[in-house]
Amino acid sequence: MKPFFPIPRRAALALVSPLLLSACSSDTPEAVLPPTVKVTELAAGTYAVSAGDATNPSAGKYYAAADGSRLLVLSNSAQQATAVYSREGNGTWQAMPAATKDASLELLNSSAIPSNVINVAAIARSYAVRLAAGGVAAFSVNANGDIVAGNSSCKLSGKLTASSLPYALKLSLTASGCGDLPAQSDGFLVVDSDYAPAGFRLLASGAAAPVDLWAYPE
């Protein structure tokens, strides 16, 4: 018969504790929350706004719908979009391009301007956009909201649908042979009398900066 040697209690706990810890641990990684984007809230309507550095602010337009949807477009002095923020209903704010860290944007000032809702039929015709890399892309918009590619080497096509936002339509855009434009992107078509002679802008998600295409009637 083998002799019995009692194990001190402290030593016994030292032997058991790793097993208990192993049993209680989980191999499931903690969920990583996406960055939070916050933007100043304005009442339903359309506004001329400014944001950023007070000594060198970015100007833009803020579009707000009664259902909570929001769209903010900030541009540089060359009138190219530098940042686009949007929200669907009372959901979370999204940035174009996507935010990589938490961001909070406070408007420096805002001024209400006339507001109106647009429909696809009002813009149905042929257009051309000037590409950043040079060249022109031709397309047309029909009364059903289809964007139909023209005869240019850059083919732009897609779909426009109604939006609760003033002066805007929802955009799904497909690009082929258009340089660094993404093959597929989503965003907004925005109409503004300040864009004349352009008829509207196509604003969508890009890898490093918003896609910003100014469309001129043909």
C-alpha atoms as a PDB file:
ATOM      1  CA  MET A   1       0.000   0.000   0.000  1.00  0.00           C
ATOM      2  CA  LYS A   2       1.366   3.358  -1.069  1.00  0.00           C
ATOM      3  CA  PRO A   3       1.907   5.862   1.721  1.00  0.00           C
ATOM      4  CA  PHE A   4      -0.467   8.859   1.811  1.00  0.00           C
ATOM      5  CA  PHE A   5       1.110  12.317   1.868  1.00  0.00           C
ATOM      6  CA  PRO A   6      -1.474  15.057   2.469  1.00  0.00           C
ATOM      7  CA  ILE A   7      -1.134  18.163   0.232  1.00  0.00           C
ATOM      8  CA  PRO A   8      -1.261  21.476   2.060  1.00  0.00           C
ATOM      9  CA  ARG A   9      -4.457  23.411   1.325  1.00  0.00           C
ATOM     10  CA  ARG A  10      -2.624  26.379  -0.260  1.00  0.00           C
ATOM     11  CA  ALA A  11      -0.773  24.074  -2.617  1.00  0.00           C
ATOM     12  CA  ALA A  12      -3.996  22.304  -3.542  1.00  0.00           C
ATOM     13  CA  LEU A  13      -5.646  25.621  -4.455  1.00  0.00           C
ATOM     14  CA  ALA A  14      -2.646  26.526  -6.570  1.00  0.00           C
ATOM     15  CA  LEU A  15      -3.122  23.311  -8.518  1.00  0.00           C
ATOM     16  CA  VAL A  16      -6.872  23.696  -8.953  1.00  0.00           C
ATOM     17  CA  SER A  17      -7.057  27.459  -9.710  1.00  0.00           C
ATOM     18  CA  PRO A  18      -5.551  27.285 -13.258  1.00  0.00           C
ATOM     19  CA  LEU A  19      -8.111  24.622 -14.153  1.00  0.00           C
ATOM     20  CA  LEU A  20     -10.961  26.756 -12.870  1.00  0.00           C
ATOM     21  CA  LEU A  21      -9.651  29.817 -14.723  1.00  0.00           C
ATOM     22  CA  SER A  22      -9.333  27.809 -17.913  1.00  0.00           C
ATOM     23  CA  ALA A  23     -12.886  26.545 -17.589  1.00  0.00           C
ATOM     24  CA  CYS A  24     -14.241  30.038 -16.990  1.00  0.00           C
ATOM     25  CA  SER A  25     -12.326  31.723 -19.814  1.00  0.00           C
ATOM     26  CA  SER A  26     -13.851  32.214 -23.268  1.00  0.00           C
ATOM     27  CA  ASP A  27     -12.214  31.972 -26.664  1.00  0.00           C
ATOM     28  CA  THR A  28     -14.781  34.414 -28.089  1.00  0.00           C
ATOM     29  CA  PRO A  29     -13.140  37.823 -28.728  1.00  0.00           C
ATOM     30  CA  GLU A  30     -14.865  40.924 -27.433  1.00  0.00           C
ATOM     31  CA  ALA A  31     -16.952  42.749 -30.031  1.00  0.00           C
ATOM     32  CA  VAL A  32     -15.214  45.827 -31.439  1.00  0.00           C
ATOM     33  CA  LEU A  33     -17.665  48.713 -31.716  1.00  0.00           C
ATOM     34  CA  PRO A  34     -17.459  50.886 -34.843  1.00  0.00           C
ATOM     35  CA  PRO A  35     -16.330  54.513 -34.433  1.00  0.00           C
ATOM     36  CA  THR A  36     -19.019  56.910 -33.242  1.00  0.00           C
ATOM     37  CA  VAL A  37     -19.791  59.943 -35.412  1.00  0.00           C
ATOM     38  CA  LYS A  38     -21.698  62.910 -33.981  1.00  0.00           C
ATOM     39  CA  VAL A  39     -22.829  66.047 -35.815  1.00  0.00           C
ATOM     40  CA  THR A  40     -24.645  69.148 -34.579  1.00  0.00           C
ATOM     41  CA  GLU A  41     -28.405  68.626 -34.724  1.00  0.00           C
ATOM     42  CA  LEU A  42     -30.511  71.140 -36.661  1.00  0.00           C
ATOM     43  CA  ALA A  43     -34.287  71.178 -37.124  1.00  0.00           C
ATOM     44  CA  ALA A  44     -35.875  69.988 -40.373  1.00  0.00           C
ATOM     45  CA  GLY A  45     -34.963  72.257 -43.280  1.00  0.00           C
ATOM     46  CA  THR A  46     -32.004  73.336 -45.410  1.00  0.00           C
ATOM     47  CA  TYR A  47     -29.084  75.390 -44.139  1.00  0.00           C
ATOM     48  CA  ALA A  48     -25.917  77.080 -45.327  1.00  0.00           C
ATOM     49  CA  VAL A  49     -23.314  76.133 -42.715  1.00  0.00           C
ATOM     50  CA  SER A  50     -19.641  76.332 -41.849  1.00  0.00           C
ATOM     51  CA  ALA A  51     -17.479  74.024 -39.745  1.00  0.00           C
ATOM     52  CA  GLY A  52     -13.891  73.313 -38.807  1.00  0.00           C
ATOM     53  CA  ASP A  53     -11.222  75.889 -38.060  1.00  0.00           C
ATOM     54  CA  ALA A  54     -12.788  79.290 -37.304  1.00  0.00           C
ATOM     55  CA  THR A  55      -9.891  81.059 -39.063  1.00  0.00           C
ATOM     56  CA  ASN A  56     -10.256  78.925 -42.188  1.00  0.00           C
ATOM     57  CA  PRO A  57     -13.681  77.264 -42.076  1.00  0.00           C
ATOM     58  CA  SER A  58     -15.179  74.802 -44.550  1.00  0.00           C
ATOM     59  CA  ALA A  59     -18.483  75.924 -46.047  1.00  0.00           C
ATOM     60  CA  GLY A  60     -21.303  73.567 -46.888  1.00  0.00           C
ATOM     61  CA  LYS A  61     -24.974  72.688 -46.886  1.00  0.00           C
ATOM     62  CA  TYR A  62     -26.972  70.803 -44.272  1.00  0.00           C
ATOM     63  CA  TYR A  63     -30.168  69.000 -45.306  1.00  0.00           C
ATOM     64  CA  ALA A  64     -32.564  67.812 -42.584  1.00  0.00           C
ATOM     65  CA  ALA A  65     -35.804  65.834 -42.944  1.00  0.00           C
ATOM     66  CA  ALA A  66     -38.690  65.562 -40.490  1.00  0.00           C
ATOM     67  CA  ASP A  67     -38.097  61.795 -40.093  1.00  0.00           C
ATOM     68  CA  GLY A  68     -34.629  62.410 -38.616  1.00  0.00           C
ATOM     69  CA  SER A  69     -32.636  61.857 -41.811  1.00  0.00           C
ATOM     70  CA  ARG A  70     -29.712  64.228 -42.236  1.00  0.00           C
ATOM     71  CA  LEU A  71     -27.075  65.059 -44.863  1.00  0.00           C
ATOM     72  CA  LEU A  72     -24.126  67.412 -44.400  1.00  0.00           C
ATOM     73  CA  VAL A  73     -21.787  68.256 -47.294  1.00  0.00           C
ATOM     74  CA  LEU A  74     -18.631  70.272 -46.602  1.00  0.00           C
ATOM     75  CA  SER A  75     -16.515  71.583 -49.476  1.00  0.00           C
ATOM     76  CA  ASN A  76     -13.167  73.312 -49.987  1.00  0.00           C
ATOM     77  CA  SER A  77     -12.560  76.592 -51.811  1.00  0.00           C
ATOM     78  CA  ALA A  78     -12.560  74.699 -55.136  1.00  0.00           C
ATOM     79  CA  GLN A  79     -16.075  73.446 -54.316  1.00  0.00           C
ATOM     80  CA  GLN A  80     -14.960  69.831 -54.042  1.00  0.00           C
ATOM     81  CA  ALA A  81     -16.484  67.801 -51.207  1.00  0.00           C
ATOM     82  CA  THR A  82     -14.007  67.228 -48.391  1.00  0.00           C
ATOM     83  CA  ALA A  83     -16.407  65.472 -46.016  1.00  0.00           C
ATOM     84  CA  VAL A  84     -19.930  64.076 -46.228  1.00  0.00           C
ATOM     85  CA  TYR A  85     -21.968  62.986 -43.213  1.00  0.00           C
ATOM     86  CA  SER A  86     -25.374  61.334 -43.401  1.00  0.00           C
ATOM     87  CA  ARG A  87     -27.987  59.656 -41.237  1.00  0.00           C
ATOM     88  CA  GLU A  88     -30.940  57.480 -42.205  1.00  0.00           C
ATOM     89  CA  GLY A  89     -33.965  58.306 -40.058  1.00  0.00           C
ATOM     90  CA  ASN A  90     -32.972  58.317 -36.396  1.00  0.00           C
ATOM     91  CA  GLY A  91     -30.110  55.884 -36.937  1.00  0.00           C
ATOM     92  CA  THR A  92     -26.427  56.584 -36.446  1.00  0.00           C
ATOM     93  CA  TRP A  93     -24.403  59.164 -38.345  1.00  0.00           C
ATOM     94  CA  GLN A  94     -22.146  57.799 -41.102  1.00  0.00           C
ATOM     95  CA  ALA A  95     -19.149  59.494 -42.699  1.00  0.00           C
ATOM     96  CA  MET A  96     -17.848  59.360 -46.272  1.00  0.00           C
ATOM     97  CA  PRO A  97     -15.248  57.951 -46.338  1.00  0.00           C
ATOM     98  CA  ALA A  98     -15.955  55.757 -43.320  1.00  0.00           C
ATOM     99  CA  ALA A  99     -14.631  57.087 -40.008  1.00  0.00           C
ATOM    100  CA  THR A 100     -11.629  55.272 -38.527  1.00  0.00           C
ATOM    101  CA  LYS A 101     -12.029  56.819 -35.066  1.00  0.00           C
ATOM    102  CA  ASP A 102     -14.680  58.581 -33.010  1.00  0.00           C
ATOM    103  CA  ALA A 103     -15.535  62.010 -34.410  1.00  0.00           C
ATOM    104  CA  SER A 104     -17.682  64.912 -33.218  1.00  0.00           C
ATOM    105  CA  LEU A 105     -18.387  67.765 -35.620  1.00  0.00           C
ATOM    106  CA  GLU A 106     -19.660  71.054 -34.234  1.00  0.00           C
ATOM    107  CA  LEU A 107     -20.975  73.603 -36.721  1.00  0.00           C
ATOM    108  CA  LEU A 108     -19.543  77.096 -36.412  1.00  0.00           C
ATOM    109  CA  ASN A 109     -22.736  78.686 -37.714  1.00  0.00           C
ATOM    110  CA  SER A 110     -25.859  77.915 -39.713  1.00  0.00           C
ATOM    111  CA  SER A 111     -28.340  79.965 -41.691  1.00  0.00           C
ATOM    112  CA  ALA A 112     -31.710  78.608 -42.870  1.00  0.00           C
ATOM    113  CA  ILE A 113     -32.412  78.839 -46.608  1.00  0.00           C
ATOM    114  CA  PRO A 114     -35.481  77.862 -48.698  1.00  0.00           C
ATOM    115  CA  SER A 115     -36.160  74.126 -48.706  1.00  0.00           C
ATOM    116  CA  ASN A 116     -37.819  71.871 -51.271  1.00  0.00           C
ATOM    117  CA  VAL A 117     -38.236  68.194 -52.156  1.00  0.00           C
ATOM    118  CA  ILE A 118     -37.218  67.033 -55.639  1.00  0.00           C
ATOM    119  CA  ASN A 119     -38.331  64.118 -57.791  1.00  0.00           C
ATOM    120  CA  VAL A 120     -36.588  62.123 -60.508  1.00  0.00           C
ATOM    121  CA  ALA A 121     -38.851  63.305 -63.308  1.00  0.00           C
ATOM    122  CA  ALA A 122     -37.647  66.879 -62.838  1.00  0.00           C
ATOM    123  CA  ILE A 123     -34.052  65.957 -63.748  1.00  0.00           C
ATOM    124  CA  ALA A 124     -34.656  63.326 -66.461  1.00  0.00           C
ATOM    125  CA  ARG A 125     -32.339  64.178 -69.395  1.00  0.00           C
ATOM    126  CA  SER A 126     -28.753  63.669 -70.660  1.00  0.00           C
ATOM    127  CA  TYR A 127     -25.689  64.784 -68.678  1.00  0.00           C
ATOM    128  CA  ALA A 128     -21.902  64.771 -68.693  1.00  0.00           C
ATOM    129  CA  VAL A 129     -19.520  64.777 -65.733  1.00  0.00           C
ATOM    130  CA  ARG A 130     -15.906  65.883 -65.728  1.00  0.00           C
ATOM    131  CA  LEU A 131     -13.594  63.289 -64.212  1.00  0.00           C
ATOM    132  CA  ALA A 132     -10.790  64.216 -61.811  1.00  0.00           C
ATOM    133  CA  ALA A 133      -8.255  62.317 -63.946  1.00  0.00           C
ATOM    134  CA  GLY A 134      -9.431  64.114 -67.086  1.00  0.00           C
ATOM    135  CA  GLY A 135     -12.036  63.219 -69.639  1.00  0.00           C
ATOM    136  CA  VAL A 136     -15.804  63.228 -69.570  1.00  0.00           C
ATOM    137  CA  ALA A 137     -18.396  60.574 -68.754  1.00  0.00           C
ATOM    138  CA  ALA A 138     -21.770  60.795 -70.477  1.00  0.00           C
ATOM    139  CA  PHE A 139     -24.995  59.343 -69.078  1.00  0.00           C
ATOM    140  CA  SER A 140     -28.705  59.986 -68.957  1.00  0.00           C
ATOM    141  CA  VAL A 141     -31.367  59.855 -66.255  1.00  0.00           C
ATOM    142  CA  ASN A 142     -34.820  58.565 -67.184  1.00  0.00           C
ATOM    143  CA  ALA A 143     -38.147  59.151 -65.472  1.00  0.00           C
ATOM    144  CA  ASN A 144     -37.853  55.831 -63.609  1.00  0.00           C
ATOM    145  CA  GLY A 145     -34.651  56.928 -61.915  1.00  0.00           C
ATOM    146  CA  ASP A 146     -32.320  54.767 -63.993  1.00  0.00           C
ATOM    147  CA  ILE A 147     -28.856  56.169 -64.693  1.00  0.00           C
ATOM    148  CA  VAL A 148     -27.964  54.902 -68.163  1.00  0.00           C
ATOM    149  CA  ALA A 149     -24.361  54.984 -69.407  1.00  0.00           C
ATOM    150  CA  GLY A 150     -23.618  56.918 -72.594  1.00  0.00           C
ATOM    151  CA  ASN A 151     -21.004  56.427 -75.323  1.00  0.00           C
ATOM    152  CA  SER A 152     -17.998  57.618 -73.300  1.00  0.00           C
ATOM    153  CA  SER A 153     -15.246  55.192 -72.268  1.00  0.00           C
ATOM    154  CA  CYS A 154     -16.131  55.770 -68.601  1.00  0.00           C
ATOM    155  CA  LYS A 155     -19.468  54.059 -68.024  1.00  0.00           C
ATOM    156  CA  LEU A 156     -21.638  55.423 -65.228  1.00  0.00           C
ATOM    157  CA  SER A 157     -24.896  53.668 -64.452  1.00  0.00           C
ATOM    158  CA  GLY A 158     -27.084  53.107 -61.438  1.00  0.00           C
ATOM    159  CA  LYS A 159     -30.348  53.955 -59.776  1.00  0.00           C
ATOM    160  CA  LEU A 160     -31.951  56.989 -58.139  1.00  0.00           C
ATOM    161  CA  THR A 161     -34.741  56.648 -55.580  1.00  0.00           C
ATOM    162  CA  ALA A 162     -36.798  59.070 -53.517  1.00  0.00           C
ATOM    163  CA  SER A 163     -35.387  60.574 -50.326  1.00  0.00           C
ATOM    164  CA  SER A 164     -37.087  62.386 -47.468  1.00  0.00           C
ATOM    165  CA  LEU A 165     -34.200  64.870 -47.516  1.00  0.00           C
ATOM    166  CA  PRO A 166     -34.757  68.225 -49.240  1.00  0.00           C
ATOM    167  CA  TYR A 167     -32.979  68.679 -52.571  1.00  0.00           C
ATOM    168  CA  ALA A 168     -31.656  65.095 -52.550  1.00  0.00           C
ATOM    169  CA  LEU A 169     -32.255  61.646 -54.019  1.00  0.00           C
ATOM    170  CA  LYS A 170     -30.707  58.366 -52.892  1.00  0.00           C
ATOM    171  CA  LEU A 171     -27.998  57.131 -55.250  1.00  0.00           C
ATOM    172  CA  SER A 172     -26.595  53.715 -56.139  1.00  0.00           C
ATOM    173  CA  LEU A 173     -23.748  54.203 -58.621  1.00  0.00           C
ATOM    174  CA  THR A 174     -21.767  51.742 -60.754  1.00  0.00           C
ATOM    175  CA  ALA A 175     -18.594  52.825 -62.570  1.00  0.00           C
ATOM    176  CA  SER A 176     -16.591  50.961 -65.202  1.00  0.00           C
ATOM    177  CA  GLY A 177     -13.453  52.228 -66.956  1.00  0.00           C
ATOM    178  CA  CYS A 178     -13.520  55.387 -64.837  1.00  0.00           C
ATOM    179  CA  GLY A 179     -10.022  55.494 -63.377  1.00  0.00           C
ATOM    180  CA  ASP A 180      -9.980  55.502 -59.589  1.00  0.00           C
ATOM    181  CA  LEU A 181     -13.759  55.727 -59.160  1.00  0.00           C
ATOM    182  CA  PRO A 182     -15.040  52.770 -57.092  1.00  0.00           C
ATOM    183  CA  ALA A 183     -16.849  50.079 -59.069  1.00  0.00           C
ATOM    184  CA  GLN A 184     -19.847  50.338 -56.744  1.00  0.00           C
ATOM    185  CA  SER A 185     -20.804  53.110 -54.329  1.00  0.00           C
ATOM    186  CA  ASP A 186     -23.860  54.527 -52.597  1.00  0.00           C
ATOM    187  CA  GLY A 187     -24.710  58.088 -51.688  1.00  0.00           C
ATOM    188  CA  PHE A 188     -26.865  60.977 -52.851  1.00  0.00           C
ATOM    189  CA  LEU A 189     -27.730  63.124 -55.836  1.00  0.00           C
ATOM    190  CA  VAL A 190     -27.971  66.721 -54.594  1.00  0.00           C
ATOM    191  CA  VAL A 191     -29.551  69.641 -56.472  1.00  0.00           C
ATOM    192  CA  ASP A 192     -28.670  73.257 -55.660  1.00  0.00           C
ATOM    193  CA  SER A 193     -29.107  76.486 -57.595  1.00  0.00           C
ATOM    194  CA  ASP A 194     -25.594  77.440 -56.443  1.00  0.00           C
ATOM    195  CA  TYR A 195     -24.227  74.621 -58.642  1.00  0.00           C
ATOM    196  CA  ALA A 196     -25.233  76.327 -61.919  1.00  0.00           C
ATOM    197  CA  PRO A 197     -24.409  75.706 -64.688  1.00  0.00           C
ATOM    198  CA  ALA A 198     -24.163  72.159 -63.253  1.00  0.00           C
ATOM    199  CA  GLY A 199     -27.509  70.473 -62.763  1.00  0.00           C
ATOM    200  CA  PHE A 200     -26.552  68.470 -59.676  1.00  0.00           C
ATOM    201  CA  ARG A 201     -23.774  66.632 -57.827  1.00  0.00           C
ATOM    202  CA  LEU A 202     -23.348  62.904 -57.352  1.00  0.00           C
ATOM    203  CA  LEU A 203     -21.883  62.316 -53.892  1.00  0.00           C
ATOM    204  CA  ALA A 204     -20.896  58.800 -52.871  1.00  0.00           C
ATOM    205  CA  SER A 205     -18.457  56.789 -50.783  1.00  0.00           C
ATOM    206  CA  GLY A 206     -14.805  56.718 -51.843  1.00  0.00           C
ATOM    207  CA  ALA A 207     -11.714  55.016 -50.453  1.00  0.00           C
ATOM    208  CA  ALA A 208      -9.835  58.128 -49.317  1.00  0.00           C
ATOM    209  CA  ALA A 209     -12.247  60.969 -50.148  1.00  0.00           C
ATOM    210  CA  PRO A 210     -15.908  61.343 -51.143  1.00  0.00           C
ATOM    211  CA  VAL A 211     -16.783  60.734 -54.777  1.00  0.00           C
ATOM    212  CA  ASP A 212     -17.923  64.150 -56.033  1.00  0.00           C
ATOM    213  CA  LEU A 213     -19.137  64.343 -59.632  1.00  0.00           C
ATOM    214  CA  TRP A 214     -20.698  67.533 -61.006  1.00  0.00           C
ATOM    215  CA  ALA A 215     -23.223  66.753 -63.746  1.00  0.00           C
ATOM    216  CA  TYR A 216     -23.823  69.265 -66.566  1.00  0.00           C
ATOM    217  CA  PRO A 217     -26.938  69.089 -68.787  1.00  0.00           C
ATOM    218  CA  GLU A 218     -26.276  68.353 -72.443  1.00  0.00           C
END
